[in-house]
Protein backbone atom coordinates (compact mmCIF):
# COMPACT_ATOMS: atom_id res chain seq x y z
CA MET A 1 -7.09 279.23 74.44
CA PRO A 2 -8.38 276.38 72.25
CA CYS A 3 -11.51 277.16 70.30
CA ARG A 4 -14.34 275.05 71.79
CA ALA A 5 -16.85 276.41 69.30
CA ALA A 6 -15.19 278.15 66.38
CA ARG A 7 -18.47 279.62 65.24
CA PHE A 8 -18.71 281.78 68.33
CA LEU A 9 -15.45 282.00 70.24
CA CYS A 10 -13.02 282.65 67.41
CA ALA A 11 -12.95 286.02 65.70
CA ASP A 12 -13.26 284.41 62.27
CA GLU A 13 -15.30 285.48 59.27
CA GLU A 14 -18.21 283.12 59.93
CA THR A 15 -18.63 284.41 63.49
CA ASN A 16 -18.69 288.02 62.38
CA VAL A 17 -21.21 287.28 59.62
CA ASP A 18 -23.47 285.43 62.03
CA LEU A 19 -23.43 288.17 64.65
CA ASN A 20 -23.74 290.88 62.01
CA ASN A 21 -26.92 289.16 60.84
CA LEU A 22 -28.27 289.01 64.38
CA GLU A 23 -27.44 292.66 64.99
CA THR A 24 -29.23 293.57 61.77
CA ALA A 25 -32.31 291.67 62.92
CA LEU A 26 -32.12 293.40 66.31
CA GLY A 27 -31.70 296.81 64.72
CA TYR A 28 -28.75 297.52 67.01
CA ARG A 29 -24.94 297.40 66.58
CA PHE A 30 -22.90 296.57 69.66
CA GLU A 31 -19.84 298.53 70.71
CA ARG A 32 -18.95 295.69 73.08
CA ARG A 33 -19.84 292.56 71.19
CA GLU A 34 -18.67 290.40 74.09
CA LEU A 35 -21.92 291.39 75.84
CA LEU A 36 -23.91 289.88 72.99
CA LEU A 37 -21.78 286.72 73.11
CA LEU A 38 -22.40 286.42 76.84
CA ALA A 39 -26.14 286.89 76.32
CA LEU A 40 -26.08 283.97 73.88
CA THR A 41 -24.24 281.65 76.28
CA HIS A 42 -26.44 279.01 77.92
CA PRO A 43 -25.52 277.88 81.47
CA SER A 44 -24.58 274.45 80.12
CA PHE A 45 -21.67 276.02 78.24
CA GLY A 46 -19.76 277.07 81.35
CA PRO A 47 -19.67 279.32 84.41
CA GLN A 48 -19.58 282.49 82.29
CA ASN A 49 -23.15 282.43 81.01
CA ASN A 50 -26.26 284.54 80.48
CA GLN A 51 -28.05 284.00 83.81
CA ARG A 52 -27.11 287.37 85.32
CA LEU A 53 -28.01 289.13 82.09
CA GLU A 54 -31.35 287.31 82.08
CA PHE A 55 -32.06 288.72 85.56
CA LEU A 56 -31.31 292.25 84.39
CA GLY A 57 -33.13 291.81 81.09
CA ASP A 58 -36.33 290.82 82.87
CA ALA A 59 -36.29 294.19 84.67
CA VAL A 60 -35.46 296.09 81.47
CA LEU A 61 -38.38 294.45 79.65
CA GLN A 62 -40.76 295.12 82.53
CA LEU A 63 -39.80 298.81 82.52
CA ALA A 64 -40.04 299.11 78.74
CA MET A 65 -43.46 297.49 78.66
CA SER A 66 -44.62 299.59 81.60
CA HIS A 67 -43.72 302.71 79.58
CA ILE A 68 -45.55 301.41 76.52
CA VAL A 69 -48.70 300.36 78.37
CA TYR A 70 -48.79 303.58 80.42
CA HIS A 71 -48.60 305.84 77.36
CA ASP A 72 -50.78 303.72 75.06
CA HIS A 73 -53.61 303.32 77.59
CA PRO A 74 -54.08 306.68 79.37
CA ASP A 75 -57.53 305.74 80.67
CA THR A 76 -56.64 302.27 81.99
CA GLU A 77 -56.32 301.76 85.75
CA GLU A 78 -53.43 299.97 87.45
CA GLY A 79 -55.00 296.51 87.43
CA GLY A 80 -55.73 296.71 83.72
CA MET A 81 -52.23 297.94 82.94
CA THR A 82 -50.76 295.05 84.92
CA PHE A 83 -52.86 292.63 82.87
CA LEU A 84 -51.75 294.20 79.57
CA ARG A 85 -48.10 294.15 80.56
CA ALA A 86 -48.32 290.51 81.63
CA ARG A 87 -49.45 289.57 78.12
CA MET A 88 -46.36 291.15 76.61
CA VAL A 89 -43.65 289.82 78.95
CA ARG A 90 -44.74 286.20 79.38
CA GLU A 91 -42.64 283.32 78.12
CA GLU A 92 -44.76 282.66 75.04
CA THR A 93 -44.35 286.25 73.81
CA LEU A 94 -40.61 286.18 74.43
CA CYS A 95 -40.41 282.98 72.39
CA THR A 96 -42.30 284.64 69.54
CA VAL A 97 -39.74 287.44 69.45
CA ALA A 98 -36.84 284.98 69.73
CA GLY A 99 -38.31 283.08 66.79
CA ARG A 100 -38.41 286.23 64.68
CA LEU A 101 -34.68 286.63 65.34
CA ASP A 102 -33.96 282.92 64.83
CA LEU A 103 -32.19 283.28 68.16
CA GLY A 104 -31.81 279.56 68.82
CA ARG A 105 -29.25 279.12 66.05
CA TYR A 106 -26.90 281.62 67.70
CA LEU A 107 -26.91 280.07 71.18
CA ARG A 108 -23.77 278.60 72.72
CA MET A 109 -24.52 275.44 74.70
CA ASP A 110 -22.92 272.10 75.40
CA HIS A 111 -23.41 269.14 73.08
CA GLY A 112 -25.81 267.31 75.41
CA CYS A 113 -28.14 270.28 75.70
CA ASP A 114 -27.98 270.86 71.97
CA MET A 115 -28.79 267.23 71.15
CA THR A 116 -31.82 267.22 73.48
CA GLY A 117 -33.48 270.16 71.72
CA GLY A 118 -32.10 272.98 73.85
CA ARG A 119 -32.11 275.47 70.98
CA LYS A 120 -35.89 275.10 70.62
CA ARG A 121 -36.83 274.89 74.30
CA PRO A 122 -39.18 277.78 75.20
CA ALA A 123 -37.57 278.51 78.57
CA VAL A 124 -34.10 278.64 76.99
CA LEU A 125 -35.24 281.00 74.23
CA ALA A 126 -37.15 283.26 76.62
CA ASP A 127 -34.17 283.52 78.96
CA ALA A 128 -31.81 284.26 76.08
CA MET A 129 -34.14 286.95 74.74
CA GLU A 130 -34.14 288.70 78.11
CA ALA A 131 -30.35 288.39 78.26
CA VAL A 132 -29.99 289.99 74.82
CA LEU A 133 -32.14 292.92 75.96
CA ALA A 134 -29.88 293.34 78.98
CA ALA A 135 -26.83 293.28 76.71
CA VAL A 136 -28.32 296.08 74.60
CA TYR A 137 -29.11 298.03 77.77
CA LEU A 138 -25.57 297.70 79.16
CA ASP A 139 -24.00 298.54 75.80
CA GLY A 140 -26.25 301.36 74.67
CA GLY A 141 -28.52 302.39 77.52
CA PHE A 142 -32.25 302.12 78.11
CA GLU A 143 -33.17 304.22 75.07
CA ASN A 144 -31.67 301.65 72.69
CA ALA A 145 -33.14 298.72 74.62
CA PHE A 146 -36.53 300.44 74.45
CA LYS A 147 -36.17 300.85 70.67
CA VAL A 148 -35.47 297.13 70.32
CA VAL A 149 -38.60 296.29 72.30
CA LYS A 150 -40.75 298.72 70.31
CA SER A 151 -39.51 297.38 66.98
CA LEU A 152 -39.57 293.64 67.71
CA TRP A 153 -42.45 292.99 70.08
CA PRO A 154 -45.80 292.03 68.56
CA ALA A 155 -48.75 294.37 68.88
CA GLU A 156 -51.07 293.71 71.80
CA ASN A 157 -53.84 292.45 69.53
CA GLU A 158 -51.43 289.84 68.13
CA VAL A 159 -50.77 288.32 71.56
CA ASP A 160 -53.18 285.80 73.04
CA MET A 161 -53.63 285.73 76.80
CA PRO A 162 -53.97 282.32 78.42
CA VAL A 163 -57.28 281.66 80.12
CA THR A 164 -55.44 281.22 83.41
CA ASP A 165 -52.74 283.74 84.27
CA ASN A 166 -52.19 283.15 87.96
CA LYS A 167 -49.71 285.97 88.46
CA THR A 168 -52.08 288.59 87.07
CA ALA A 169 -55.01 287.14 88.98
CA LEU A 170 -53.04 287.19 92.25
CA GLN A 171 -51.93 290.77 91.61
CA GLU A 172 -55.54 291.84 91.11
CA VAL A 173 -56.75 290.00 94.22
CA LEU A 174 -54.13 291.68 96.39
CA GLN A 175 -54.77 295.10 94.87
CA ALA A 176 -58.50 294.72 95.56
CA ARG A 177 -57.60 294.23 99.22
CA GLY A 178 -55.36 297.28 99.30
CA LEU A 179 -52.22 295.15 99.59
CA PRO A 180 -48.89 295.70 97.82
CA SER A 181 -47.80 293.67 94.80
CA PRO A 182 -46.54 290.15 95.50
CA GLU A 183 -42.82 289.41 95.54
CA TYR A 184 -41.33 286.32 93.89
CA ARG A 185 -38.10 284.73 95.09
CA THR A 186 -36.22 281.84 93.50
CA LEU A 187 -35.46 279.35 96.27
CA ALA A 188 -33.67 276.61 94.33
CA GLU A 189 -32.39 275.55 90.92
CA ASP A 190 -31.92 271.80 90.54
CA GLY A 191 -31.03 269.34 87.79
CA PRO A 192 -28.57 269.47 84.88
CA ALA A 193 -28.32 272.60 82.77
CA HIS A 194 -30.54 271.20 80.01
CA MET A 195 -33.24 270.00 82.45
CA ARG A 196 -33.40 272.67 85.14
CA VAL A 197 -36.17 272.67 87.74
CA PHE A 198 -36.84 275.95 89.55
CA THR A 199 -38.54 276.36 92.91
CA VAL A 200 -40.10 279.78 93.50
CA ALA A 201 -42.00 281.18 96.47
CA VAL A 202 -44.39 284.13 96.33
CA TYR A 203 -44.62 286.50 99.29
CA SER A 204 -47.33 288.91 100.33
CA CYS A 205 -46.48 291.51 102.96
CA GLY A 206 -43.32 289.57 103.78
CA ASN A 207 -45.12 286.26 104.36
CA GLU A 208 -44.83 283.25 102.07
CA ALA A 209 -48.17 282.76 100.32
CA GLY A 210 -47.33 279.91 97.96
CA ARG A 211 -44.58 277.83 96.44
CA GLY A 212 -44.29 276.20 93.01
CA THR A 213 -41.89 274.47 90.65
CA GLY A 214 -41.36 274.53 86.89
CA ASN A 215 -38.78 274.09 84.15
CA SER A 216 -38.45 277.87 83.92
CA LYS A 217 -38.63 280.65 86.49
CA LYS A 218 -41.74 282.05 84.86
CA LYS A 219 -43.58 278.74 85.03
CA ALA A 220 -42.51 278.26 88.65
CA GLU A 221 -43.80 281.76 89.44
CA GLN A 222 -47.14 280.94 87.80
CA ALA A 223 -47.35 277.73 89.84
CA ALA A 224 -46.55 279.58 93.08
CA ALA A 225 -49.18 282.23 92.31
CA GLY A 226 -51.70 279.45 91.67
CA VAL A 227 -51.00 277.96 95.10
CA ALA A 228 -51.43 281.38 96.71
CA LEU A 229 -54.74 281.96 94.91
CA ARG A 230 -56.10 278.60 96.01
CA SER A 231 -55.12 279.36 99.60
CA ILE A 232 -56.85 282.73 99.49
CA ARG A 233 -60.02 281.24 98.01
CA ALA A 234 -60.03 278.39 100.51
CA ALA A 235 -59.76 280.88 103.37
CA GLU A 236 -62.65 282.91 101.94
CA ASP A 237 -64.81 279.79 101.61
CA LYS A 238 -64.41 279.13 105.33
CA LYS A 239 -65.78 282.54 106.26
């Protein structure tokens, strides 16, 4: 097969040095390095990309942070723990960690995406960071993925929380009413790989409560939660 990007696809010295450096920064050595390569492959590069790993990595990070928050805050109730976890898994925090690893320089993407700043785009970096966590999980299990999170993630007091976090606010509103946590579903992904637009709906008790769009799934989820919150408040104002 011709080498489309010698730096990543060919087993040459430069590739091995690059990935060795990344593994050193991660604090983890892969048995199956192809998992790491896949985690670094942006959708613009081809059909074999990191989207499925991103999906899994989101769940791995949520579980790891749930463990950390649960054990570090034994006196905090569920709503407070949800708020703390949200600070640590949001896009901005993922980008901070990706920056510490210089993750953008390792990404595989097509020329157009690269030339339009894809390596520095927050949504791209956040997705890749989740994919890398999933790769560690698949290669070495949850214990190793948890170690990566513990070693790389900033301390809680180093992470700023935005004034408006719609997802956390919606979670707290529903919990106050004795309702289960909201569910987010991606309805559509449109646009070219370097300019994706996601449409996400949020559901409460099986019913759609809001819908939003954004250039990342996380931003679309925040937008959908904002719509749901406004609907809830509007309904309360009518009472």
